Protein backbone atom coordinates (compact mmCIF):
# COMPACT_ATOMS: atom_id res chain seq x y z
CA UNK A 1 0.00 0.00 0.00
CA UNK A 2 1.39 3.38 -0.99
CA UNK A 3 1.26 6.41 1.23
CA UNK A 4 0.03 9.83 0.10
CA UNK A 5 -0.69 10.22 -3.60
CA UNK A 6 0.45 6.66 -4.32
CA UNK A 7 4.14 7.53 -4.09
CA UNK A 8 6.59 4.92 -2.81
CA UNK A 9 9.17 5.23 -0.07
CA UNK A 10 12.83 5.36 -1.03
CA UNK A 11 15.99 4.05 0.54
CA UNK A 12 18.81 6.12 -0.90
CA UNK A 13 22.52 6.75 -0.74
CA UNK A 14 23.90 10.25 -1.14
CA UNK A 15 27.59 11.14 -1.47
CA UNK A 16 29.92 14.10 -1.30
CA UNK A 17 31.62 15.43 -4.43
CA UNK A 18 34.69 13.18 -4.03
CA UNK A 19 32.59 10.10 -3.06
CA UNK A 20 34.61 9.66 0.14
CA UNK A 21 31.67 10.30 2.48
CA UNK A 22 28.22 8.79 2.03
CA UNK A 23 24.86 8.92 3.80
CA UNK A 24 22.11 6.29 3.73
CA UNK A 25 18.56 7.43 4.39
CA UNK A 26 14.84 6.87 3.86
CA UNK A 27 12.28 9.33 2.53
CA UNK A 28 8.83 9.51 1.00
CA UNK A 29 9.84 12.52 -1.11
CA UNK A 30 13.26 12.08 -2.70
CA UNK A 31 13.29 15.43 -4.52
CA UNK A 32 12.48 17.35 -1.35
CA UNK A 33 15.01 15.37 0.69
CA UNK A 34 17.82 15.96 -1.81
CA UNK A 35 16.94 19.66 -1.87
CA UNK A 36 17.34 19.63 1.94
CA UNK A 37 20.75 17.97 1.59
CA UNK A 38 21.79 20.48 -1.09
CA UNK A 39 20.86 23.42 1.13
CA UNK A 40 22.68 22.00 4.15
CA UNK A 41 19.52 21.00 6.03
CA UNK A 42 20.24 17.28 5.96
CA UNK A 43 21.82 17.04 9.40
CA UNK A 44 25.28 17.27 10.97
CA UNK A 45 26.96 14.47 8.99
CA UNK A 46 25.60 15.54 5.61
CA UNK A 47 26.38 19.21 6.27
CA UNK A 48 29.91 18.59 7.58
CA UNK A 49 30.89 16.38 4.63
CA UNK A 50 28.86 18.35 2.05
CA UNK A 51 26.88 15.30 1.01
CA UNK A 52 24.78 16.67 -1.83
CA UNK A 53 24.42 14.18 -4.69
CA UNK A 54 22.06 11.23 -4.99
CA UNK A 55 24.06 8.22 -6.17
CA UNK A 56 21.74 5.27 -5.42
CA UNK A 57 18.05 4.64 -4.80
CA UNK A 58 15.58 1.83 -4.26
CA UNK A 59 11.79 2.10 -3.96
CA UNK A 60 9.51 0.26 -1.56
CA UNK A 61 5.75 0.25 -1.12
CA UNK A 62 5.84 0.52 2.67
CA UNK A 63 7.87 2.57 5.13
CA UNK A 64 8.84 -0.50 7.23
CA UNK A 65 10.35 -2.15 4.13
CA UNK A 66 12.39 0.98 3.31
CA UNK A 67 13.57 1.35 6.93
CA UNK A 68 14.57 -2.33 7.10
CA UNK A 69 16.65 -1.96 3.94
CA UNK A 70 18.26 1.23 5.27
CA UNK A 71 19.24 -0.57 8.48
CA UNK A 72 20.69 -3.49 6.52
CA UNK A 73 22.74 -1.23 4.23
CA UNK A 74 24.09 0.74 7.19
CA UNK A 75 25.52 -2.51 8.62
CA UNK A 76 27.31 -3.36 5.35
CA UNK A 77 31.03 -2.85 4.86
CA UNK A 78 31.86 0.29 2.88
CA UNK A 79 33.31 -1.78 0.00
CA UNK A 80 29.95 -3.56 -0.39
CA UNK A 81 28.11 -0.23 -0.44
CA UNK A 82 30.51 1.04 -3.12
CA UNK A 83 29.84 -2.04 -5.26
CA UNK A 84 26.08 -1.64 -4.85
CA UNK A 85 26.31 1.98 -6.01
CA UNK A 86 28.55 1.05 -8.97
CA UNK A 87 26.05 -1.60 -10.16
CA UNK A 88 23.31 1.02 -10.52
CA UNK A 89 25.47 4.07 -11.17
CA UNK A 90 28.99 3.20 -12.45
CA UNK A 91 30.20 6.81 -12.57
CA UNK A 92 28.59 7.91 -9.28
CA UNK A 93 26.73 10.63 -11.20
CA UNK A 94 24.21 12.79 -9.38
CA UNK A 95 20.81 11.13 -9.92
CA UNK A 96 18.75 13.84 -8.26
CA UNK A 97 17.10 14.85 -11.54
CA UNK A 98 16.33 11.19 -12.33
CA UNK A 99 14.50 11.00 -9.00
CA UNK A 100 11.97 13.55 -10.25
CA UNK A 101 10.62 10.88 -12.60
CA UNK A 102 9.86 8.40 -9.81
PDB file of N, CA and C in Angstrom:
ATOM      1  N   UNK A   1       0.840  -1.187   0.000  1.00  0.00           N
ATOM      2  CA  UNK A   1       0.000   0.000   0.000  1.00  0.00           C
ATOM      3  C   UNK A   1       0.882   1.248   0.000  1.00  0.00           C
ATOM      4  N   UNK A   2       0.612   2.141  -0.903  1.00  0.00           N
ATOM      5  CA  UNK A   2       1.390   3.384  -0.994  1.00  0.00           C
ATOM      6  C   UNK A   2       0.849   4.407  -0.010  1.00  0.00           C
ATOM      7  N   UNK A   3       1.731   5.313   0.401  1.00  0.00           N
ATOM      8  CA  UNK A   3       1.258   6.413   1.233  1.00  0.00           C
ATOM      9  C   UNK A   3       0.763   7.511   0.314  1.00  0.00           C
ATOM     10  N   UNK A   4       0.651   8.716   0.816  1.00  0.00           N
ATOM     11  CA  UNK A   4       0.033   9.829   0.104  1.00  0.00           C
ATOM     12  C   UNK A   4       0.303   9.868  -1.398  1.00  0.00           C
ATOM     13  N   UNK A   5      -0.716  10.081  -2.133  1.00  0.00           N
ATOM     14  CA  UNK A   5      -0.693  10.220  -3.602  1.00  0.00           C
ATOM     15  C   UNK A   5      -0.084   9.011  -4.312  1.00  0.00           C
ATOM     16  N   UNK A   6      -0.045   7.870  -3.664  1.00  0.00           N
ATOM     17  CA  UNK A   6       0.447   6.663  -4.317  1.00  0.00           C
ATOM     18  C   UNK A   6       1.940   6.626  -4.553  1.00  0.00           C
ATOM     19  N   UNK A   7       2.694   7.497  -3.892  1.00  0.00           N
ATOM     20  CA  UNK A   7       4.144   7.532  -4.090  1.00  0.00           C
ATOM     21  C   UNK A   7       4.824   6.525  -3.168  1.00  0.00           C
ATOM     22  N   UNK A   8       5.872   5.891  -3.639  1.00  0.00           N
ATOM     23  CA  UNK A   8       6.585   4.919  -2.807  1.00  0.00           C
ATOM     24  C   UNK A   8       7.551   5.594  -1.834  1.00  0.00           C
ATOM     25  N   UNK A   9       8.106   4.784  -0.974  1.00  0.00           N
ATOM     26  CA  UNK A   9       9.171   5.233  -0.072  1.00  0.00           C
ATOM     27  C   UNK A   9      10.499   4.847  -0.704  1.00  0.00           C
ATOM     28  N   UNK A  10      11.532   5.612  -0.420  1.00  0.00           N
ATOM     29  CA  UNK A  10      12.831   5.363  -1.027  1.00  0.00           C
ATOM     30  C   UNK A  10      13.914   5.185   0.027  1.00  0.00           C
ATOM     31  N   UNK A  11      14.743   4.182  -0.182  1.00  0.00           N
ATOM     32  CA  UNK A  11      15.994   4.047   0.545  1.00  0.00           C
ATOM     33  C   UNK A  11      17.037   4.577  -0.430  1.00  0.00           C
ATOM     34  N   UNK A  12      17.878   5.483   0.041  1.00  0.00           N
ATOM     35  CA  UNK A  12      18.809   6.121  -0.895  1.00  0.00           C
ATOM     36  C   UNK A  12      20.190   6.258  -0.279  1.00  0.00           C
ATOM     37  N   UNK A  13      21.162   6.440  -1.167  1.00  0.00           N
ATOM     38  CA  UNK A  13      22.523   6.747  -0.744  1.00  0.00           C
ATOM     39  C   UNK A  13      22.925   8.045  -1.430  1.00  0.00           C
ATOM     40  N   UNK A  14      23.394   8.978  -0.623  1.00  0.00           N
ATOM     41  CA  UNK A  14      23.902  10.254  -1.136  1.00  0.00           C
ATOM     42  C   UNK A  14      25.395  10.305  -0.833  1.00  0.00           C
ATOM     43  N   UNK A  15      26.130  11.064  -1.630  1.00  0.00           N
ATOM     44  CA  UNK A  15      27.585  11.138  -1.469  1.00  0.00           C
ATOM     45  C   UNK A  15      28.069  12.569  -1.614  1.00  0.00           C
ATOM     46  N   UNK A  16      29.283  12.801  -1.115  1.00  0.00           N
ATOM     47  CA  UNK A  16      29.925  14.100  -1.302  1.00  0.00           C
ATOM     48  C   UNK A  16      30.546  14.127  -2.706  1.00  0.00           C
ATOM     49  N   UNK A  17      31.063  15.257  -3.090  1.00  0.00           N
ATOM     50  CA  UNK A  17      31.619  15.427  -4.434  1.00  0.00           C
ATOM     51  C   UNK A  17      32.706  14.395  -4.761  1.00  0.00           C
ATOM     52  N   UNK A  18      33.574  14.107  -3.793  1.00  0.00           N
ATOM     53  CA  UNK A  18      34.686  13.175  -4.035  1.00  0.00           C
ATOM     54  C   UNK A  18      34.327  11.710  -3.769  1.00  0.00           C
ATOM     55  N   UNK A  19      33.084  11.457  -3.358  1.00  0.00           N
ATOM     56  CA  UNK A  19      32.587  10.104  -3.058  1.00  0.00           C
ATOM     57  C   UNK A  19      33.251   9.456  -1.844  1.00  0.00           C
ATOM     58  N   UNK A  20      33.941  10.233  -1.036  1.00  0.00           N
ATOM     59  CA  UNK A  20      34.605   9.656   0.139  1.00  0.00           C
ATOM     60  C   UNK A  20      33.659   9.524   1.324  1.00  0.00           C
ATOM     61  N   UNK A  21      32.655  10.372   1.395  1.00  0.00           N
ATOM     62  CA  UNK A  21      31.669  10.304   2.476  1.00  0.00           C
ATOM     63  C   UNK A  21      30.305  10.015   1.869  1.00  0.00           C
ATOM     64  N   UNK A  22      29.565   9.114   2.516  1.00  0.00           N
ATOM     65  CA  UNK A  22      28.217   8.792   2.034  1.00  0.00           C
ATOM     66  C   UNK A  22      27.225   8.875   3.189  1.00  0.00           C
ATOM     67  N   UNK A  23      25.955   8.909   2.825  1.00  0.00           N
ATOM     68  CA  UNK A  23      24.865   8.924   3.795  1.00  0.00           C
ATOM     69  C   UNK A  23      23.778   8.020   3.262  1.00  0.00           C
ATOM     70  N   UNK A  24      23.211   7.182   4.117  1.00  0.00           N
ATOM     71  CA  UNK A  24      22.114   6.295   3.734  1.00  0.00           C
ATOM     72  C   UNK A  24      20.871   6.756   4.481  1.00  0.00           C
ATOM     73  N   UNK A  25      19.777   6.942   3.751  1.00  0.00           N
ATOM     74  CA  UNK A  25      18.557   7.433   4.385  1.00  0.00           C
ATOM     75  C   UNK A  25      17.297   6.871   3.756  1.00  0.00           C
ATOM     76  N   UNK A  26      16.166   7.273   4.325  1.00  0.00           N
ATOM     77  CA  UNK A  26      14.839   6.869   3.856  1.00  0.00           C
ATOM     78  C   UNK A  26      13.983   8.127   3.744  1.00  0.00           C
ATOM     79  N   UNK A  27      13.173   8.190   2.704  1.00  0.00           N
ATOM     80  CA  UNK A  27      12.275   9.328   2.533  1.00  0.00           C
ATOM     81  C   UNK A  27      11.067   8.929   1.697  1.00  0.00           C
ATOM     82  N   UNK A  28      10.007   9.683   1.838  1.00  0.00           N
ATOM     83  CA  UNK A  28       8.833   9.513   0.997  1.00  0.00           C
ATOM     84  C   UNK A  28       8.832  10.520  -0.139  1.00  0.00           C
ATOM     85  N   UNK A  29       9.749  11.482  -0.084  1.00  0.00           N
ATOM     86  CA  UNK A  29       9.838  12.522  -1.113  1.00  0.00           C
ATOM     87  C   UNK A  29      11.319  12.768  -1.419  1.00  0.00           C
ATOM     88  N   UNK A  30      11.829  12.042  -2.387  1.00  0.00           N
ATOM     89  CA  UNK A  30      13.262  12.075  -2.698  1.00  0.00           C
ATOM     90  C   UNK A  30      13.721  13.444  -3.192  1.00  0.00           C
ATOM     91  N   UNK A  31      12.915  14.091  -4.027  1.00  0.00           N
ATOM     92  CA  UNK A  31      13.292  15.425  -4.520  1.00  0.00           C
ATOM     93  C   UNK A  31      13.432  16.417  -3.366  1.00  0.00           C
ATOM     94  N   UNK A  32      12.448  16.423  -2.482  1.00  0.00           N
ATOM     95  CA  UNK A  32      12.479  17.348  -1.349  1.00  0.00           C
ATOM     96  C   UNK A  32      13.667  17.039  -0.437  1.00  0.00           C
ATOM     97  N   UNK A  33      13.903  15.767  -0.195  1.00  0.00           N
ATOM     98  CA  UNK A  33      15.007  15.373   0.690  1.00  0.00           C
ATOM     99  C   UNK A  33      16.354  15.783   0.103  1.00  0.00           C
ATOM    100  N   UNK A  34      16.546  15.582  -1.195  1.00  0.00           N
ATOM    101  CA  UNK A  34      17.817  15.963  -1.814  1.00  0.00           C
ATOM    102  C   UNK A  34      17.978  17.481  -1.825  1.00  0.00           C
ATOM    103  N   UNK A  35      16.872  18.201  -1.956  1.00  0.00           N
ATOM    104  CA  UNK A  35      16.937  19.665  -1.866  1.00  0.00           C
ATOM    105  C   UNK A  35      17.407  20.065  -0.461  1.00  0.00           C
ATOM    106  N   UNK A  36      16.906  19.350   0.564  1.00  0.00           N
ATOM    107  CA  UNK A  36      17.340  19.628   1.941  1.00  0.00           C
ATOM    108  C   UNK A  36      18.839  19.375   2.087  1.00  0.00           C
ATOM    109  N   UNK A  37      19.314  18.253   1.532  1.00  0.00           N
ATOM    110  CA  UNK A  37      20.754  17.968   1.591  1.00  0.00           C
ATOM    111  C   UNK A  37      21.548  19.074   0.883  1.00  0.00           C
ATOM    112  N   UNK A  38      21.076  19.475  -0.288  1.00  0.00           N
ATOM    113  CA  UNK A  38      21.789  20.480  -1.086  1.00  0.00           C
ATOM    114  C   UNK A  38      21.872  21.825  -0.370  1.00  0.00           C
ATOM    115  N   UNK A  39      20.865  22.134   0.435  1.00  0.00           N
ATOM    116  CA  UNK A  39      20.859  23.420   1.132  1.00  0.00           C
ATOM    117  C   UNK A  39      21.432  23.320   2.546  1.00  0.00           C
ATOM    118  N   UNK A  40      22.030  22.164   2.853  1.00  0.00           N
ATOM    119  CA  UNK A  40      22.679  22.001   4.147  1.00  0.00           C
ATOM    120  C   UNK A  40      21.747  21.688   5.295  1.00  0.00           C
ATOM    121  N   UNK A  41      20.509  21.308   5.000  1.00  0.00           N
ATOM    122  CA  UNK A  41      19.522  20.998   6.035  1.00  0.00           C
ATOM    123  C   UNK A  41      19.426  19.502   6.337  1.00  0.00           C
ATOM    124  N   UNK A  42      20.343  18.730   5.812  1.00  0.00           N
ATOM    125  CA  UNK A  42      20.239  17.280   5.959  1.00  0.00           C
ATOM    126  C   UNK A  42      20.713  16.722   7.282  1.00  0.00           C
ATOM    127  N   UNK A  43      21.313  17.529   8.130  1.00  0.00           N
ATOM    128  CA  UNK A  43      21.819  17.041   9.399  1.00  0.00           C
ATOM    129  C   UNK A  43      23.315  17.290   9.520  1.00  0.00           C
ATOM    130  N   UNK A  44      23.868  16.982  10.682  1.00  0.00           N
ATOM    131  CA  UNK A  44      25.277  17.275  10.972  1.00  0.00           C
ATOM    132  C   UNK A  44      26.226  16.563  10.007  1.00  0.00           C
ATOM    133  N   UNK A  45      26.057  15.250   9.848  1.00  0.00           N
ATOM    134  CA  UNK A  45      26.964  14.472   8.989  1.00  0.00           C
ATOM    135  C   UNK A  45      26.920  14.974   7.549  1.00  0.00           C
ATOM    136  N   UNK A  46      25.715  15.129   7.015  1.00  0.00           N
ATOM    137  CA  UNK A  46      25.601  15.536   5.610  1.00  0.00           C
ATOM    138  C   UNK A  46      26.075  16.968   5.393  1.00  0.00           C
ATOM    139  N   UNK A  47      25.898  17.828   6.388  1.00  0.00           N
ATOM    140  CA  UNK A  47      26.384  19.208   6.266  1.00  0.00           C
ATOM    141  C   UNK A  47      27.903  19.257   6.367  1.00  0.00           C
ATOM    142  N   UNK A  48      28.465  18.573   7.354  1.00  0.00           N
ATOM    143  CA  UNK A  48      29.907  18.587   7.578  1.00  0.00           C
ATOM    144  C   UNK A  48      30.679  18.080   6.372  1.00  0.00           C
ATOM    145  N   UNK A  49      30.188  16.988   5.755  1.00  0.00           N
ATOM    146  CA  UNK A  49      30.888  16.378   4.625  1.00  0.00           C
ATOM    147  C   UNK A  49      30.342  16.828   3.270  1.00  0.00           C
ATOM    148  N   UNK A  50      29.438  17.805   3.289  1.00  0.00           N
ATOM    149  CA  UNK A  50      28.862  18.353   2.050  1.00  0.00           C
ATOM    150  C   UNK A  50      28.298  17.258   1.148  1.00  0.00           C
ATOM    151  N   UNK A  51      27.501  16.410   1.738  1.00  0.00           N
ATOM    152  CA  UNK A  51      26.877  15.303   1.008  1.00  0.00           C
ATOM    153  C   UNK A  51      25.663  15.861   0.287  1.00  0.00           C
ATOM    154  N   UNK A  52      25.783  15.956  -1.035  1.00  0.00           N
ATOM    155  CA  UNK A  52      24.784  16.674  -1.833  1.00  0.00           C
ATOM    156  C   UNK A  52      24.213  15.880  -3.006  1.00  0.00           C
ATOM    157  N   UNK A  53      24.905  14.833  -3.463  1.00  0.00           N
ATOM    158  CA  UNK A  53      24.419  14.181  -4.686  1.00  0.00           C
ATOM    159  C   UNK A  53      23.822  12.801  -4.389  1.00  0.00           C
ATOM    160  N   UNK A  54      22.748  12.519  -5.089  1.00  0.00           N
ATOM    161  CA  UNK A  54      22.061  11.234  -4.987  1.00  0.00           C
ATOM    162  C   UNK A  54      22.775  10.256  -5.911  1.00  0.00           C
ATOM    163  N   UNK A  55      23.317   9.180  -5.344  1.00  0.00           N
ATOM    164  CA  UNK A  55      24.058   8.223  -6.174  1.00  0.00           C
ATOM    165  C   UNK A  55      23.392   6.856  -6.269  1.00  0.00           C
ATOM    166  N   UNK A  56      22.390   6.589  -5.410  1.00  0.00           N
ATOM    167  CA  UNK A  56      21.740   5.267  -5.422  1.00  0.00           C
ATOM    168  C   UNK A  56      20.357   5.394  -4.813  1.00  0.00           C
ATOM    169  N   UNK A  57      19.400   4.632  -5.367  1.00  0.00           N
ATOM    170  CA  UNK A  57      18.055   4.641  -4.796  1.00  0.00           C
ATOM    171  C   UNK A  57      17.327   3.330  -5.065  1.00  0.00           C
ATOM    172  N   UNK A  58      16.479   2.974  -4.135  1.00  0.00           N
ATOM    173  CA  UNK A  58      15.581   1.829  -4.256  1.00  0.00           C
ATOM    174  C   UNK A  58      14.210   2.290  -3.785  1.00  0.00           C
ATOM    175  N   UNK A  59      13.150   1.718  -4.349  1.00  0.00           N
ATOM    176  CA  UNK A  59      11.791   2.103  -3.959  1.00  0.00           C
ATOM    177  C   UNK A  59      11.070   0.932  -3.308  1.00  0.00           C
ATOM    178  N   UNK A  60      10.285   1.262  -2.298  1.00  0.00           N
ATOM    179  CA  UNK A  60       9.507   0.264  -1.556  1.00  0.00           C
ATOM    180  C   UNK A  60       8.089   0.769  -1.363  1.00  0.00           C
ATOM    181  N   UNK A  61       7.144  -0.145  -1.281  1.00  0.00           N
ATOM    182  CA  UNK A  61       5.752   0.255  -1.122  1.00  0.00           C
ATOM    183  C   UNK A  61       5.410   0.680   0.294  1.00  0.00           C
ATOM    184  N   UNK A  62       6.153   0.169   1.289  1.00  0.00           N
ATOM    185  CA  UNK A  62       5.842   0.521   2.668  1.00  0.00           C
ATOM    186  C   UNK A  62       7.064   1.113   3.367  1.00  0.00           C
ATOM    187  N   UNK A  63       6.796   1.959   4.356  1.00  0.00           N
ATOM    188  CA  UNK A  63       7.866   2.569   5.128  1.00  0.00           C
ATOM    189  C   UNK A  63       8.681   1.511   5.894  1.00  0.00           C
ATOM    190  N   UNK A  64       8.038   0.519   6.534  1.00  0.00           N
ATOM    191  CA  UNK A  64       8.840  -0.500   7.235  1.00  0.00           C
ATOM    192  C   UNK A  64       9.830  -1.235   6.321  1.00  0.00           C
ATOM    193  N   UNK A  65       9.437  -1.494   5.079  1.00  0.00           N
ATOM    194  CA  UNK A  65      10.354  -2.148   4.127  1.00  0.00           C
ATOM    195  C   UNK A  65      11.566  -1.250   3.849  1.00  0.00           C
ATOM    196  N   UNK A  66      11.312   0.029   3.613  1.00  0.00           N
ATOM    197  CA  UNK A  66      12.392   0.975   3.312  1.00  0.00           C
ATOM    198  C   UNK A  66      13.324   1.135   4.514  1.00  0.00           C
ATOM    199  N   UNK A  67      12.759   1.200   5.710  1.00  0.00           N
ATOM    200  CA  UNK A  67      13.570   1.346   6.925  1.00  0.00           C
ATOM    201  C   UNK A  67      14.407   0.094   7.167  1.00  0.00           C
ATOM    202  N   UNK A  68      13.828  -1.076   6.918  1.00  0.00           N
ATOM    203  CA  UNK A  68      14.573  -2.332   7.098  1.00  0.00           C
ATOM    204  C   UNK A  68      15.758  -2.392   6.138  1.00  0.00           C
ATOM    205  N   UNK A  69      15.557  -1.955   4.910  1.00  0.00           N
ATOM    206  CA  UNK A  69      16.648  -1.956   3.936  1.00  0.00           C
ATOM    207  C   UNK A  69      17.725  -0.941   4.336  1.00  0.00           C
ATOM    208  N   UNK A  70      17.307   0.220   4.800  1.00  0.00           N
ATOM    209  CA  UNK A  70      18.260   1.230   5.269  1.00  0.00           C
ATOM    210  C   UNK A  70      19.133   0.653   6.390  1.00  0.00           C
ATOM    211  N   UNK A  71      18.506   0.001   7.349  1.00  0.00           N
ATOM    212  CA  UNK A  71      19.244  -0.570   8.481  1.00  0.00           C
ATOM    213  C   UNK A  71      20.234  -1.631   8.015  1.00  0.00           C
ATOM    214  N   UNK A  72      19.803  -2.445   7.052  1.00  0.00           N
ATOM    215  CA  UNK A  72      20.688  -3.488   6.516  1.00  0.00           C
ATOM    216  C   UNK A  72      21.893  -2.864   5.817  1.00  0.00           C
ATOM    217  N   UNK A  73      21.646  -1.871   4.963  1.00  0.00           N
ATOM    218  CA  UNK A  73      22.736  -1.226   4.228  1.00  0.00           C
ATOM    219  C   UNK A  73      23.714  -0.535   5.174  1.00  0.00           C
ATOM    220  N   UNK A  74      23.205   0.052   6.238  1.00  0.00           N
ATOM    221  CA  UNK A  74      24.089   0.735   7.189  1.00  0.00           C
ATOM    222  C   UNK A  74      25.046  -0.234   7.878  1.00  0.00           C
ATOM    223  N   UNK A  75      24.648  -1.509   7.989  1.00  0.00           N
ATOM    224  CA  UNK A  75      25.516  -2.512   8.616  1.00  0.00           C
ATOM    225  C   UNK A  75      26.560  -3.071   7.657  1.00  0.00           C
ATOM    226  N   UNK A  76      26.381  -2.837   6.358  1.00  0.00           N
ATOM    227  CA  UNK A  76      27.308  -3.362   5.354  1.00  0.00           C
ATOM    228  C   UNK A  76      28.670  -2.702   5.463  1.00  0.00           C
ATOM    229  N   UNK A  77      29.693  -3.428   5.009  1.00  0.00           N
ATOM    230  CA  UNK A  77      31.027  -2.850   4.863  1.00  0.00           C
ATOM    231  C   UNK A  77      30.981  -1.791   3.761  1.00  0.00           C
ATOM    232  N   UNK A  78      31.849  -0.791   3.869  1.00  0.00           N
ATOM    233  CA  UNK A  78      31.856   0.293   2.876  1.00  0.00           C
ATOM    234  C   UNK A  78      32.122  -0.245   1.472  1.00  0.00           C
ATOM    235  N   UNK A  79      33.006  -1.224   1.333  1.00  0.00           N
ATOM    236  CA  UNK A  79      33.308  -1.781   0.004  1.00  0.00           C
ATOM    237  C   UNK A  79      32.051  -2.362  -0.647  1.00  0.00           C
ATOM    238  N   UNK A  80      31.194  -2.985   0.156  1.00  0.00           N
ATOM    239  CA  UNK A  80      29.953  -3.556  -0.386  1.00  0.00           C
ATOM    240  C   UNK A  80      29.014  -2.445  -0.837  1.00  0.00           C
ATOM    241  N   UNK A  81      28.951  -1.376  -0.070  1.00  0.00           N
ATOM    242  CA  UNK A  81      28.112  -0.228  -0.440  1.00  0.00           C
ATOM    243  C   UNK A  81      28.610   0.376  -1.753  1.00  0.00           C
ATOM    244  N   UNK A  82      29.933   0.500  -1.884  1.00  0.00           N
ATOM    245  CA  UNK A  82      30.512   1.043  -3.116  1.00  0.00           C
ATOM    246  C   UNK A  82      30.132   0.184  -4.314  1.00  0.00           C
ATOM    247  N   UNK A  83      30.199  -1.134  -4.159  1.00  0.00           N
ATOM    248  CA  UNK A  83      29.844  -2.039  -5.257  1.00  0.00           C
ATOM    249  C   UNK A  83      28.372  -1.918  -5.615  1.00  0.00           C
ATOM    250  N   UNK A  84      27.512  -1.799  -4.615  1.00  0.00           N
ATOM    251  CA  UNK A  84      26.079  -1.641  -4.855  1.00  0.00           C
ATOM    252  C   UNK A  84      25.825  -0.379  -5.669  1.00  0.00           C
ATOM    253  N   UNK A  85      26.462   0.716  -5.286  1.00  0.00           N
ATOM    254  CA  UNK A  85      26.309   1.976  -6.014  1.00  0.00           C
ATOM    255  C   UNK A  85      26.794   1.815  -7.454  1.00  0.00           C
ATOM    256  N   UNK A  86      27.967   1.210  -7.633  1.00  0.00           N
ATOM    257  CA  UNK A  86      28.547   1.050  -8.975  1.00  0.00           C
ATOM    258  C   UNK A  86      27.670   0.204  -9.895  1.00  0.00           C
ATOM    259  N   UNK A  87      26.950  -0.782  -9.330  1.00  0.00           N
ATOM    260  CA  UNK A  87      26.050  -1.605 -10.156  1.00  0.00           C
ATOM    261  C   UNK A  87      24.954  -0.756 -10.782  1.00  0.00           C
ATOM    262  N   UNK A  88      24.402   0.180 -10.034  1.00  0.00           N
ATOM    263  CA  UNK A  88      23.307   1.021 -10.525  1.00  0.00           C
ATOM    264  C   UNK A  88      23.815   2.292 -11.195  1.00  0.00           C
ATOM    265  N   UNK A  89      24.986   2.761 -10.759  1.00  0.00           N
ATOM    266  CA  UNK A  89      25.472   4.070 -11.173  1.00  0.00           C
ATOM    267  C   UNK A  89      27.007   4.019 -11.270  1.00  0.00           C
ATOM    268  N   UNK A  90      27.544   3.428 -12.330  1.00  0.00           N
ATOM    269  CA  UNK A  90      28.987   3.195 -12.454  1.00  0.00           C
ATOM    270  C   UNK A  90      29.870   4.431 -12.287  1.00  0.00           C
ATOM    271  N   UNK A  91      29.374   5.600 -12.657  1.00  0.00           N
ATOM    272  CA  UNK A  91      30.195   6.811 -12.572  1.00  0.00           C
ATOM    273  C   UNK A  91      29.886   7.658 -11.333  1.00  0.00           C
ATOM    274  N   UNK A  92      28.995   7.169 -10.479  1.00  0.00           N
ATOM    275  CA  UNK A  92      28.586   7.906  -9.278  1.00  0.00           C
ATOM    276  C   UNK A  92      28.031   9.286  -9.645  1.00  0.00           C
ATOM    277  N   UNK A  93      27.341   9.360 -10.764  1.00  0.00           N
ATOM    278  CA  UNK A  93      26.734  10.627 -11.201  1.00  0.00           C
ATOM    279  C   UNK A  93      25.604  11.018 -10.262  1.00  0.00           C
ATOM    280  N   UNK A  94      25.313  12.306 -10.203  1.00  0.00           N
ATOM    281  CA  UNK A  94      24.207  12.789  -9.382  1.00  0.00           C
ATOM    282  C   UNK A  94      22.886  12.420 -10.055  1.00  0.00           C
ATOM    283  N   UNK A  95      22.076  11.621  -9.379  1.00  0.00           N
ATOM    284  CA  UNK A  95      20.813  11.133  -9.918  1.00  0.00           C
ATOM    285  C   UNK A  95      19.608  11.929  -9.411  1.00  0.00           C
ATOM    286  N   UNK A  96      19.847  13.077  -8.826  1.00  0.00           N
ATOM    287  CA  UNK A  96      18.751  13.845  -8.262  1.00  0.00           C
ATOM    288  C   UNK A  96      17.685  14.167  -9.299  1.00  0.00           C
ATOM    289  N   UNK A  97      18.085  14.547 -10.492  1.00  0.00           N
ATOM    290  CA  UNK A  97      17.103  14.850 -11.537  1.00  0.00           C
ATOM    291  C   UNK A  97      16.337  13.608 -11.963  1.00  0.00           C
ATOM    292  N   UNK A  98      17.013  12.452 -11.991  1.00  0.00           N
ATOM    293  CA  UNK A  98      16.332  11.194 -12.326  1.00  0.00           C
ATOM    294  C   UNK A  98      15.234  10.901 -11.305  1.00  0.00           C
ATOM    295  N   UNK A  99      15.470  11.274 -10.064  1.00  0.00           N
ATOM    296  CA  UNK A  99      14.499  11.002  -8.995  1.00  0.00           C
ATOM    297  C   UNK A  99      13.190  11.729  -9.221  1.00  0.00           C
ATOM    298  N   UNK A 100      13.206  12.801 -10.004  1.00  0.00           N
ATOM    299  CA  UNK A 100      11.968  13.546 -10.248  1.00  0.00           C
ATOM    300  C   UNK A 100      10.998  12.751 -11.118  1.00  0.00           C
ATOM    301  N   UNK A 101      11.480  11.701 -11.749  1.00  0.00           N
ATOM    302  CA  UNK A 101      10.618  10.885 -12.598  1.00  0.00           C
ATOM    303  C   UNK A 101      10.038   9.695 -11.862  1.00  0.00           C
ATOM    304  N   UNK A 102      10.365   9.529 -10.582  1.00  0.00           N
ATOM    305  CA  UNK A 102       9.858   8.402  -9.814  1.00  0.00           C
ATOM    306  C   UNK A 102       8.425   8.602  -9.409  1.00  0.00           C
TER     307      UNK A 102
END
